[in-house]
Amino acid sequence: MAAHAAEPITLADIVAAAGVPERSLRAAFVASRGMPPMDFLRRRRFELARRQLAEPSAGTSVAGVVAALGLGNPGRFSVEYKRRFGESPSGTLSAGRAAAGLPRRRP
């Protein structure tokens, strides 16, 4: 899951890949990771988003990262991102642009 977090993975996909019933998969995830599989996947996607925003290319945008990772509504993403990381996604992107010597905003 971690290696394919940027792909559109569903719980059914995970169950099929694991070859175990959904309840067993869920119980094993909670026992080993402390969270259900879809929560783990969401956490991983937020980590990927943070990395992409902190290490941007010239065309990186918050909306583009949200769309590429399937993180839903950009407004809700921003609220959850700030709760998780203590700064706004645009703040992370701005700092990443400065560190990379890129213009503050896309042309």
C-alpha atoms as a PDB file:
ATOM      1  CA  MET A   1       0.000   0.000   0.000  1.00  0.00           C
ATOM      2  CA  ALA A   2       2.735   2.442   0.908  1.00  0.00           C
ATOM      3  CA  ALA A   3       4.476   1.954  -2.434  1.00  0.00           C
ATOM      4  CA  HIS A   4       1.249   2.529  -4.374  1.00  0.00           C
ATOM      5  CA  ALA A   5      -0.341   5.194  -2.161  1.00  0.00           C
ATOM      6  CA  ALA A   6      -0.531   7.710  -5.005  1.00  0.00           C
ATOM      7  CA  GLU A   7      -2.695   5.310  -7.008  1.00  0.00           C
ATOM      8  CA  PRO A   8      -6.504   5.101  -6.695  1.00  0.00           C
ATOM      9  CA  ILE A   9      -6.646   2.198  -4.219  1.00  0.00           C
ATOM     10  CA  THR A  10      -9.912   1.051  -2.651  1.00  0.00           C
ATOM     11  CA  LEU A  11     -10.514  -1.186   0.340  1.00  0.00           C
ATOM     12  CA  ALA A  12     -11.736  -3.867  -2.071  1.00  0.00           C
ATOM     13  CA  ASP A  13      -8.382  -3.659  -3.894  1.00  0.00           C
ATOM     14  CA  ILE A  14      -6.508  -4.158  -0.626  1.00  0.00           C
ATOM     15  CA  VAL A  15      -8.702  -7.086   0.409  1.00  0.00           C
ATOM     16  CA  ALA A  16      -8.209  -8.727  -2.999  1.00  0.00           C
ATOM     17  CA  ALA A  17      -4.432  -8.230  -2.902  1.00  0.00           C
ATOM     18  CA  ALA A  18      -4.173  -9.581   0.634  1.00  0.00           C
ATOM     19  CA  GLY A  19      -6.433 -12.530  -0.079  1.00  0.00           C
ATOM     20  CA  VAL A  20      -8.100 -12.352   3.329  1.00  0.00           C
ATOM     21  CA  PRO A  21     -11.570 -11.296   4.472  1.00  0.00           C
ATOM     22  CA  GLU A  22     -12.088  -7.584   5.137  1.00  0.00           C
ATOM     23  CA  ARG A  23     -12.628  -8.124   8.871  1.00  0.00           C
ATOM     24  CA  SER A  24      -9.369 -10.064   9.173  1.00  0.00           C
ATOM     25  CA  LEU A  25      -7.458  -7.429   7.234  1.00  0.00           C
ATOM     26  CA  ARG A  26      -8.920  -4.661   9.364  1.00  0.00           C
ATOM     27  CA  ALA A  27      -8.136  -6.488  12.612  1.00  0.00           C
ATOM     28  CA  ALA A  28      -4.556  -7.193  11.515  1.00  0.00           C
ATOM     29  CA  PHE A  29      -4.016  -3.563  10.517  1.00  0.00           C
ATOM     30  CA  VAL A  30      -5.377  -2.233  13.772  1.00  0.00           C
ATOM     31  CA  ALA A  31      -3.226  -4.713  15.722  1.00  0.00           C
ATOM     32  CA  SER A  32      -0.019  -3.947  13.820  1.00  0.00           C
ATOM     33  CA  ARG A  33      -0.441  -0.294  12.751  1.00  0.00           C
ATOM     34  CA  GLY A  34      -2.917   1.011  15.298  1.00  0.00           C
ATOM     35  CA  MET A  35      -5.372   2.082  12.589  1.00  0.00           C
ATOM     36  CA  PRO A  36      -7.585   0.625   9.850  1.00  0.00           C
ATOM     37  CA  PRO A  37      -6.100   0.174   6.369  1.00  0.00           C
ATOM     38  CA  MET A  38      -7.797   3.183   4.758  1.00  0.00           C
ATOM     39  CA  ASP A  39      -6.631   5.456   7.594  1.00  0.00           C
ATOM     40  CA  PHE A  40      -3.093   4.169   7.009  1.00  0.00           C
ATOM     41  CA  LEU A  41      -3.433   4.901   3.287  1.00  0.00           C
ATOM     42  CA  ARG A  42      -4.738   8.425   3.960  1.00  0.00           C
ATOM     43  CA  ARG A  43      -1.853   9.090   6.347  1.00  0.00           C
ATOM     44  CA  ARG A  44       0.613   7.914   3.708  1.00  0.00           C
ATOM     45  CA  ARG A  45      -0.987  10.158   1.085  1.00  0.00           C
ATOM     46  CA  PHE A  46      -0.671  13.164   3.394  1.00  0.00           C
ATOM     47  CA  GLU A  47       3.012  12.315   3.923  1.00  0.00           C
ATOM     48  CA  LEU A  48       3.485  12.182   0.138  1.00  0.00           C
ATOM     49  CA  ALA A  49       1.659  15.505  -0.245  1.00  0.00           C
ATOM     50  CA  ARG A  50       3.914  17.100   2.356  1.00  0.00           C
ATOM     51  CA  ARG A  51       7.022  15.822   0.589  1.00  0.00           C
ATOM     52  CA  GLN A  52       5.813  17.068  -2.804  1.00  0.00           C
ATOM     53  CA  LEU A  53       5.011  20.494  -1.368  1.00  0.00           C
ATOM     54  CA  ALA A  54       8.291  20.743   0.551  1.00  0.00           C
ATOM     55  CA  GLU A  55      10.354  19.663  -2.477  1.00  0.00           C
ATOM     56  CA  PRO A  56       8.424  21.277  -5.347  1.00  0.00           C
ATOM     57  CA  SER A  57       9.168  21.496  -9.011  1.00  0.00           C
ATOM     58  CA  ALA A  58       8.423  24.695 -10.914  1.00  0.00           C
ATOM     59  CA  GLY A  59       4.837  23.617 -11.692  1.00  0.00           C
ATOM     60  CA  THR A  60       3.841  22.282  -8.282  1.00  0.00           C
ATOM     61  CA  SER A  61       0.590  23.630  -6.842  1.00  0.00           C
ATOM     62  CA  VAL A  62      -1.446  22.657  -3.803  1.00  0.00           C
ATOM     63  CA  ALA A  63      -4.473  21.885  -5.989  1.00  0.00           C
ATOM     64  CA  GLY A  64      -2.355  19.744  -8.305  1.00  0.00           C
ATOM     65  CA  VAL A  65      -0.923  17.724  -5.430  1.00  0.00           C
ATOM     66  CA  VAL A  66      -4.398  17.228  -3.915  1.00  0.00           C
ATOM     67  CA  ALA A  67      -5.800  16.024  -7.237  1.00  0.00           C
ATOM     68  CA  ALA A  68      -2.856  13.757  -8.059  1.00  0.00           C
ATOM     69  CA  LEU A  69      -3.039  11.986  -4.709  1.00  0.00           C
ATOM     70  CA  GLY A  70      -6.820  11.708  -4.617  1.00  0.00           C
ATOM     71  CA  LEU A  71      -7.118  13.712  -1.406  1.00  0.00           C
ATOM     72  CA  GLY A  72     -10.534  15.159  -2.223  1.00  0.00           C
ATOM     73  CA  ASN A  73     -11.665  18.713  -1.637  1.00  0.00           C
ATOM     74  CA  PRO A  74      -8.739  21.182  -1.450  1.00  0.00           C
ATOM     75  CA  GLY A  75     -10.397  23.166   1.354  1.00  0.00           C
ATOM     76  CA  ARG A  76     -10.882  20.121   3.538  1.00  0.00           C
ATOM     77  CA  PHE A  77      -7.390  18.962   2.657  1.00  0.00           C
ATOM     78  CA  SER A  78      -5.974  22.286   3.856  1.00  0.00           C
ATOM     79  CA  VAL A  79      -7.761  22.038   7.207  1.00  0.00           C
ATOM     80  CA  GLU A  80      -6.606  18.459   7.796  1.00  0.00           C
ATOM     81  CA  TYR A  81      -3.079  19.235   6.568  1.00  0.00           C
ATOM     82  CA  LYS A  82      -2.758  22.101   9.036  1.00  0.00           C
ATOM     83  CA  ARG A  83      -4.052  19.878  11.843  1.00  0.00           C
ATOM     84  CA  ARG A  84      -1.540  17.156  10.969  1.00  0.00           C
ATOM     85  CA  PHE A  85       1.534  19.286  10.276  1.00  0.00           C
ATOM     86  CA  GLY A  86       0.960  22.598  12.061  1.00  0.00           C
ATOM     87  CA  GLU A  87       1.184  24.748   8.937  1.00  0.00           C
ATOM     88  CA  SER A  88      -0.874  25.350   5.828  1.00  0.00           C
ATOM     89  CA  PRO A  89      -0.052  23.455   2.638  1.00  0.00           C
ATOM     90  CA  SER A  90       0.599  26.772   0.906  1.00  0.00           C
ATOM     91  CA  GLY A  91       3.069  27.611   3.682  1.00  0.00           C
ATOM     92  CA  THR A  92       4.923  24.350   3.096  1.00  0.00           C
ATOM     93  CA  LEU A  93       4.941  25.008  -0.654  1.00  0.00           C
ATOM     94  CA  SER A  94       6.176  28.569  -0.188  1.00  0.00           C
ATOM     95  CA  ALA A  95       9.031  27.391   2.052  1.00  0.00           C
ATOM     96  CA  GLY A  96       9.845  24.617  -0.423  1.00  0.00           C
ATOM     97  CA  ARG A  97       9.957  27.074  -3.296  1.00  0.00           C
ATOM     98  CA  ALA A  98      12.283  29.359  -1.340  1.00  0.00           C
ATOM     99  CA  ALA A  99      14.591  26.463  -0.410  1.00  0.00           C
ATOM    100  CA  ALA A 100      14.732  25.325  -4.040  1.00  0.00           C
ATOM    101  CA  GLY A 101      15.335  28.852  -5.352  1.00  0.00           C
ATOM    102  CA  LEU A 102      12.055  28.820  -7.273  1.00  0.00           C
ATOM    103  CA  PRO A 103       9.790  31.856  -7.703  1.00  0.00           C
ATOM    104  CA  ARG A 104       7.243  32.179  -4.901  1.00  0.00           C
ATOM    105  CA  ARG A 105       4.346  31.534  -7.255  1.00  0.00           C
ATOM    106  CA  ARG A 106       3.901  29.696 -10.498  1.00  0.00           C
ATOM    107  CA  PRO A 107       4.242  31.876 -13.602  1.00  0.00           C
END
